[in-house]
C-alpha atoms as a PDB file:
ATOM      1  CA  MET A   1     -59.755 -20.300  -9.255  1.00  0.00           C
ATOM      2  CA  TYR A   2     -60.589 -19.121 -11.974  1.00  0.00           C
ATOM      3  CA  PRO A   3     -58.610 -17.452 -14.644  1.00  0.00           C
ATOM      4  CA  GLU A   4     -59.392 -13.129 -15.208  1.00  0.00           C
ATOM      5  CA  ARG A   5     -60.635 -13.136 -18.471  1.00  0.00           C
ATOM      6  CA  SER A   6     -62.441 -17.090 -18.472  1.00  0.00           C
ATOM      7  CA  SER A   7     -64.154 -15.861 -15.064  1.00  0.00           C
ATOM      8  CA  THR A   8     -65.447 -12.175 -16.835  1.00  0.00           C
ATOM      9  CA  GLU A   9     -66.181 -14.952 -19.649  1.00  0.00           C
ATOM     10  CA  GLU A  10     -67.794 -16.927 -18.095  1.00  0.00           C
ATOM     11  CA  SER A  11     -69.871 -14.827 -15.878  1.00  0.00           C
ATOM     12  CA  GLY A  12     -71.116 -12.186 -18.568  1.00  0.00           C
ATOM     13  CA  PHE A  13     -72.658 -15.033 -20.751  1.00  0.00           C
ATOM     14  CA  ARG A  14     -73.867 -16.482 -17.404  1.00  0.00           C
ATOM     15  CA  ALA A  15     -76.172 -13.637 -17.212  1.00  0.00           C
ATOM     16  CA  ASN A  16     -76.830 -13.198 -20.945  1.00  0.00           C
ATOM     17  CA  ALA A  17     -78.232 -16.601 -20.701  1.00  0.00           C
ATOM     18  CA  CYS A  18     -80.213 -15.628 -17.557  1.00  0.00           C
ATOM     19  CA  LEU A  19     -82.015 -12.629 -18.547  1.00  0.00           C
ATOM     20  CA  VAL A  20     -82.874 -14.472 -21.529  1.00  0.00           C
ATOM     21  CA  TYR A  21     -84.228 -17.278 -19.741  1.00  0.00           C
ATOM     22  CA  SER A  22     -85.986 -15.756 -17.290  1.00  0.00           C
ATOM     23  CA  ALA A  23     -87.399 -13.434 -19.992  1.00  0.00           C
ATOM     24  CA  ARG A  24     -89.080 -16.298 -21.988  1.00  0.00           C
ATOM     25  CA  PHE A  25     -89.845 -17.664 -18.893  1.00  0.00           C
ATOM     26  CA  ARG A  26     -91.995 -14.722 -17.534  1.00  0.00           C
ATOM     27  CA  LEU A  27     -92.834 -14.591 -21.057  1.00  0.00           C
ATOM     28  CA  ALA A  28     -94.306 -18.605 -20.807  1.00  0.00           C
ATOM     29  CA  ILE A  29     -95.867 -17.466 -17.300  1.00  0.00           C
ATOM     30  CA  MET A  30     -98.065 -14.537 -18.610  1.00  0.00           C
ATOM     31  CA  ASN A  31     -99.935 -16.788 -21.589  1.00  0.00           C
ATOM     32  CA  GLN A  32    -100.106 -19.185 -19.124  1.00  0.00           C
ATOM     33  CA  MET A  33    -102.286 -17.233 -16.887  1.00  0.00           C
ATOM     34  CA  PHE A  34    -103.914 -14.673 -19.216  1.00  0.00           C
ATOM     35  CA  LEU A  35    -104.256 -16.614 -22.388  1.00  0.00           C
ATOM     36  CA  PRO A  36    -107.911 -18.544 -20.672  1.00  0.00           C
ATOM     37  CA  LEU A  37    -108.858 -14.951 -19.577  1.00  0.00           C
ATOM     38  CA  VAL A  38    -107.713 -13.714 -23.079  1.00  0.00           C
ATOM     39  CA  ALA A  39    -109.948 -16.499 -25.102  1.00  0.00           C
ATOM     40  CA  LYS A  40    -113.250 -14.733 -23.572  1.00  0.00           C
ATOM     41  CA  ASP A  41    -113.244 -11.483 -25.863  1.00  0.00           C
ATOM     42  CA  ALA A  42    -111.256 -10.132 -28.654  1.00  0.00           C
ATOM     43  CA  SER A  43    -110.623  -6.943 -27.163  1.00  0.00           C
ATOM     44  CA  LEU A  44    -108.809  -8.581 -24.931  1.00  0.00           C
ATOM     45  CA  LYS A  45    -106.675 -10.792 -26.539  1.00  0.00           C
ATOM     46  CA  ASP A  46    -106.059  -7.389 -28.569  1.00  0.00           C
ATOM     47  CA  LEU A  47    -104.633  -5.415 -25.231  1.00  0.00           C
ATOM     48  CA  HIS A  48    -102.444  -8.399 -24.278  1.00  0.00           C
ATOM     49  CA  TRP A  49    -101.081  -9.073 -27.501  1.00  0.00           C
ATOM     50  CA  ARG A  50    -100.345  -5.758 -28.803  1.00  0.00           C
ATOM     51  CA  PRO A  51     -97.345  -4.997 -26.566  1.00  0.00           C
ATOM     52  CA  MET A  52     -95.674  -8.807 -26.606  1.00  0.00           C
ATOM     53  CA  ARG A  53     -96.034  -8.715 -30.608  1.00  0.00           C
ATOM     54  CA  PRO A  54     -95.346  -5.468 -31.692  1.00  0.00           C
ATOM     55  CA  TRP A  55     -94.683  -6.697 -35.571  1.00  0.00           C
ATOM     56  CA  ASN A  56     -97.898  -9.426 -35.582  1.00  0.00           C
ATOM     57  CA  LEU A  57    -100.581  -6.461 -35.127  1.00  0.00           C
ATOM     58  CA  PRO A  58    -104.292  -6.615 -36.242  1.00  0.00           C
ATOM     59  CA  ARG A  59    -105.016  -5.034 -39.599  1.00  0.00           C
ATOM     60  CA  GLU A  60    -106.900  -1.473 -39.422  1.00  0.00           C
ATOM     61  CA  SER A  61    -110.331  -2.004 -40.149  1.00  0.00           C
ATOM     62  CA  THR A  62    -111.326   0.929 -41.747  1.00  0.00           C
END
């Protein structure tokens, strides 16, 4: 139905897009589920956001 080269490129592109979109969708669902719980407690918020955004770590309080 498809040529060999085109089918392999298409399948690879579809796999990458599916991974990206599924990951984004999962993060969105997790945010929707956890944000109401997280908004109540600052420590829960730190625990929730630390693994998701390692570049956005809270500053060390000395």
